[in-house]
Amino acid sequence: MSDTAGTASAAVTLTPAEELKADKARLLTALVNVCGMPHAHHKTYPIVRALKRDGIVCFNMDFIHLTAANIDGLQ
């Protein structure tokens, strides 16, 4: 058995700008992996354009709070 005492991991704190960038990347990842959006069209895809038009540009701050009514309103 190896001795793992004293191998605590350090917490990583992001600046607000880094967190915003990471949150936008989470939304892009969700749209590609869940909605089937082609990554090459991430600026022109209809879903992305509808989300941006309604001010939804981040995952944790905006996207996860959408209700069914909000989604219907994007159409």
N, C-alpha and C. Protein backbone atom coordinates (compact mmCIF):
# COMPACT_ATOMS: atom_id res chain seq x y z
N MET A 1 0.84 -1.18 0.00
CA MET A 1 0.00 0.00 0.00
C MET A 1 0.88 1.24 0.00
N SER A 2 0.48 2.22 -0.73
CA SER A 2 1.24 3.47 -0.73
C SER A 2 0.68 4.40 0.32
N ASP A 3 1.54 5.23 0.83
CA ASP A 3 1.15 6.20 1.84
C ASP A 3 0.65 7.46 1.13
N THR A 4 -0.63 7.81 1.33
CA THR A 4 -1.19 8.97 0.66
C THR A 4 -1.44 10.12 1.61
N ALA A 5 -0.90 10.05 2.80
CA ALA A 5 -1.08 11.13 3.77
C ALA A 5 -0.43 12.40 3.25
N GLY A 6 -1.15 13.50 3.42
CA GLY A 6 -0.60 14.79 3.01
C GLY A 6 -0.72 15.08 1.53
N THR A 7 -1.62 14.42 0.83
CA THR A 7 -1.77 14.67 -0.60
C THR A 7 -3.09 15.38 -0.90
N ALA A 8 -3.46 16.32 -0.08
CA ALA A 8 -4.70 17.08 -0.29
C ALA A 8 -4.56 17.92 -1.56
N SER A 9 -5.64 18.00 -2.30
CA SER A 9 -5.61 18.82 -3.51
C SER A 9 -5.92 20.27 -3.16
N ALA A 10 -5.36 21.16 -3.92
CA ALA A 10 -5.58 22.58 -3.71
C ALA A 10 -6.81 23.02 -4.49
N ALA A 11 -7.60 23.87 -3.89
CA ALA A 11 -8.78 24.41 -4.57
C ALA A 11 -8.33 25.43 -5.61
N VAL A 12 -9.00 25.42 -6.73
CA VAL A 12 -8.69 26.37 -7.80
C VAL A 12 -9.78 27.44 -7.79
N THR A 13 -9.36 28.68 -7.71
CA THR A 13 -10.30 29.79 -7.72
C THR A 13 -10.13 30.54 -9.04
N LEU A 14 -11.23 30.68 -9.75
CA LEU A 14 -11.21 31.39 -11.02
C LEU A 14 -11.59 32.85 -10.81
N THR A 15 -11.02 33.70 -11.64
CA THR A 15 -11.43 35.10 -11.62
C THR A 15 -12.82 35.18 -12.25
N PRO A 16 -13.56 36.26 -12.04
CA PRO A 16 -14.87 36.38 -12.67
C PRO A 16 -14.82 36.25 -14.20
N ALA A 17 -13.79 36.80 -14.82
CA ALA A 17 -13.65 36.69 -16.28
C ALA A 17 -13.41 35.25 -16.70
N GLU A 18 -12.59 34.52 -15.94
CA GLU A 18 -12.33 33.11 -16.25
C GLU A 18 -13.58 32.27 -16.05
N GLU A 19 -14.35 32.57 -15.00
CA GLU A 19 -15.59 31.83 -14.74
C GLU A 19 -16.60 32.08 -15.86
N LEU A 20 -16.72 33.32 -16.33
CA LEU A 20 -17.63 33.64 -17.43
C LEU A 20 -17.23 32.88 -18.69
N LYS A 21 -15.95 32.86 -18.98
CA LYS A 21 -15.45 32.13 -20.16
C LYS A 21 -15.74 30.63 -20.03
N ALA A 22 -15.53 30.07 -18.84
CA ALA A 22 -15.80 28.65 -18.61
C ALA A 22 -17.30 28.36 -18.73
N ASP A 23 -18.13 29.28 -18.24
CA ASP A 23 -19.58 29.08 -18.30
C ASP A 23 -20.07 29.12 -19.74
N LYS A 24 -19.52 30.00 -20.56
CA LYS A 24 -19.87 30.03 -21.98
C LYS A 24 -19.42 28.74 -22.67
N ALA A 25 -18.27 28.23 -22.28
CA ALA A 25 -17.78 26.97 -22.85
C ALA A 25 -18.68 25.81 -22.45
N ARG A 26 -19.23 25.83 -21.24
CA ARG A 26 -20.17 24.78 -20.81
C ARG A 26 -21.41 24.79 -21.68
N LEU A 27 -21.92 25.98 -22.00
CA LEU A 27 -23.10 26.08 -22.86
C LEU A 27 -22.78 25.53 -24.24
N LEU A 28 -21.64 25.89 -24.80
CA LEU A 28 -21.24 25.37 -26.11
C LEU A 28 -21.15 23.85 -26.09
N THR A 29 -20.56 23.31 -25.04
CA THR A 29 -20.43 21.86 -24.91
C THR A 29 -21.80 21.19 -24.84
N ALA A 30 -22.71 21.77 -24.07
CA ALA A 30 -24.06 21.21 -23.96
C ALA A 30 -24.78 21.25 -25.30
N LEU A 31 -24.65 22.34 -26.02
CA LEU A 31 -25.33 22.45 -27.31
C LEU A 31 -24.77 21.46 -28.33
N VAL A 32 -23.48 21.23 -28.30
CA VAL A 32 -22.86 20.27 -29.22
C VAL A 32 -23.24 18.85 -28.83
N ASN A 33 -23.10 18.50 -27.55
CA ASN A 33 -23.29 17.12 -27.11
C ASN A 33 -24.75 16.72 -26.95
N VAL A 34 -25.61 17.64 -26.53
CA VAL A 34 -27.00 17.29 -26.27
C VAL A 34 -27.91 17.65 -27.44
N CYS A 35 -27.70 18.81 -28.01
CA CYS A 35 -28.59 19.27 -29.08
C CYS A 35 -28.10 18.90 -30.47
N GLY A 36 -26.90 18.35 -30.56
CA GLY A 36 -26.39 17.92 -31.86
C GLY A 36 -25.92 19.06 -32.75
N MET A 37 -25.64 20.20 -32.17
CA MET A 37 -25.18 21.33 -32.96
C MET A 37 -23.78 21.06 -33.50
N PRO A 38 -23.54 21.27 -34.78
CA PRO A 38 -22.18 21.12 -35.31
C PRO A 38 -21.28 22.23 -34.74
N HIS A 39 -20.14 21.85 -34.20
CA HIS A 39 -19.24 22.83 -33.59
C HIS A 39 -18.82 23.91 -34.59
N ALA A 40 -18.68 23.53 -35.83
CA ALA A 40 -18.24 24.49 -36.84
C ALA A 40 -19.26 25.61 -37.07
N HIS A 41 -20.51 25.39 -36.67
CA HIS A 41 -21.57 26.38 -36.89
C HIS A 41 -22.05 27.00 -35.58
N HIS A 42 -21.16 27.07 -34.58
CA HIS A 42 -21.58 27.52 -33.26
C HIS A 42 -22.00 28.98 -33.20
N LYS A 43 -21.74 29.76 -34.22
CA LYS A 43 -22.18 31.16 -34.22
C LYS A 43 -23.43 31.37 -35.07
N THR A 44 -23.72 30.45 -35.97
CA THR A 44 -24.83 30.65 -36.89
C THR A 44 -25.97 29.64 -36.72
N TYR A 45 -25.81 28.67 -35.86
CA TYR A 45 -26.82 27.63 -35.66
C TYR A 45 -28.10 28.27 -35.11
N PRO A 46 -29.27 27.89 -35.63
CA PRO A 46 -30.53 28.53 -35.21
C PRO A 46 -30.78 28.52 -33.70
N ILE A 47 -30.44 27.43 -33.02
CA ILE A 47 -30.66 27.38 -31.57
C ILE A 47 -29.80 28.43 -30.87
N VAL A 48 -28.55 28.55 -31.28
CA VAL A 48 -27.64 29.52 -30.67
C VAL A 48 -28.14 30.93 -30.92
N ARG A 49 -28.59 31.20 -32.12
CA ARG A 49 -29.09 32.54 -32.45
C ARG A 49 -30.32 32.88 -31.63
N ALA A 50 -31.21 31.91 -31.43
CA ALA A 50 -32.40 32.15 -30.61
C ALA A 50 -32.03 32.40 -29.15
N LEU A 51 -31.09 31.62 -28.64
CA LEU A 51 -30.66 31.81 -27.25
C LEU A 51 -30.01 33.18 -27.06
N LYS A 52 -29.12 33.55 -27.97
CA LYS A 52 -28.45 34.84 -27.87
C LYS A 52 -29.45 35.99 -27.98
N ARG A 53 -30.42 35.84 -28.87
CA ARG A 53 -31.44 36.89 -29.05
C ARG A 53 -32.17 37.15 -27.73
N ASP A 54 -32.38 36.09 -26.95
CA ASP A 54 -33.07 36.23 -25.68
C ASP A 54 -32.12 36.41 -24.50
N GLY A 55 -30.83 36.66 -24.78
CA GLY A 55 -29.86 36.98 -23.74
C GLY A 55 -29.29 35.79 -23.00
N ILE A 56 -29.41 34.60 -23.55
CA ILE A 56 -28.89 33.40 -22.90
C ILE A 56 -27.54 33.07 -23.53
N VAL A 57 -26.48 33.38 -22.78
CA VAL A 57 -25.13 33.19 -23.31
C VAL A 57 -24.26 32.32 -22.42
N CYS A 58 -24.75 31.96 -21.23
CA CYS A 58 -23.98 31.13 -20.30
C CYS A 58 -24.80 29.93 -19.86
N PHE A 59 -24.13 28.91 -19.38
CA PHE A 59 -24.80 27.69 -18.97
C PHE A 59 -25.34 27.80 -17.55
N ASN A 60 -24.46 27.93 -16.56
CA ASN A 60 -24.90 27.96 -15.16
C ASN A 60 -25.71 29.20 -14.83
N MET A 61 -25.39 30.32 -15.46
CA MET A 61 -26.08 31.56 -15.13
C MET A 61 -27.41 31.70 -15.86
N ASP A 62 -27.58 31.09 -17.02
CA ASP A 62 -28.78 31.30 -17.83
C ASP A 62 -29.50 30.01 -18.22
N PHE A 63 -28.79 29.15 -18.90
CA PHE A 63 -29.39 28.01 -19.60
C PHE A 63 -30.09 27.04 -18.66
N ILE A 64 -29.49 26.69 -17.54
CA ILE A 64 -30.08 25.68 -16.68
C ILE A 64 -31.35 26.16 -15.99
N HIS A 65 -31.63 27.44 -16.06
CA HIS A 65 -32.83 27.99 -15.44
C HIS A 65 -34.01 28.09 -16.40
N LEU A 66 -33.82 27.66 -17.65
CA LEU A 66 -34.91 27.74 -18.63
C LEU A 66 -36.02 26.77 -18.25
N THR A 67 -37.24 27.23 -18.37
CA THR A 67 -38.41 26.38 -18.16
C THR A 67 -38.95 25.97 -19.53
N ALA A 68 -39.90 25.06 -19.54
CA ALA A 68 -40.53 24.65 -20.80
C ALA A 68 -41.15 25.85 -21.50
N ALA A 69 -41.74 26.75 -20.75
CA ALA A 69 -42.35 27.95 -21.34
C ALA A 69 -41.28 28.83 -21.97
N ASN A 70 -40.11 28.96 -21.32
CA ASN A 70 -39.02 29.75 -21.88
C ASN A 70 -38.56 29.15 -23.20
N ILE A 71 -38.42 27.83 -23.22
CA ILE A 71 -37.96 27.14 -24.43
C ILE A 71 -38.98 27.31 -25.56
N ASP A 72 -40.26 27.18 -25.25
CA ASP A 72 -41.30 27.38 -26.26
C ASP A 72 -41.26 28.81 -26.81
N GLY A 73 -40.91 29.75 -25.96
CA GLY A 73 -40.84 31.15 -26.38
C GLY A 73 -39.69 31.44 -27.30
N LEU A 74 -38.70 30.57 -27.37
CA LEU A 74 -37.56 30.77 -28.27
C LEU A 74 -37.92 30.48 -29.72
N GLN A 75 -38.98 29.76 -29.94
CA GLN A 75 -39.34 29.34 -31.32
C GLN A 75 -39.89 30.48 -32.14
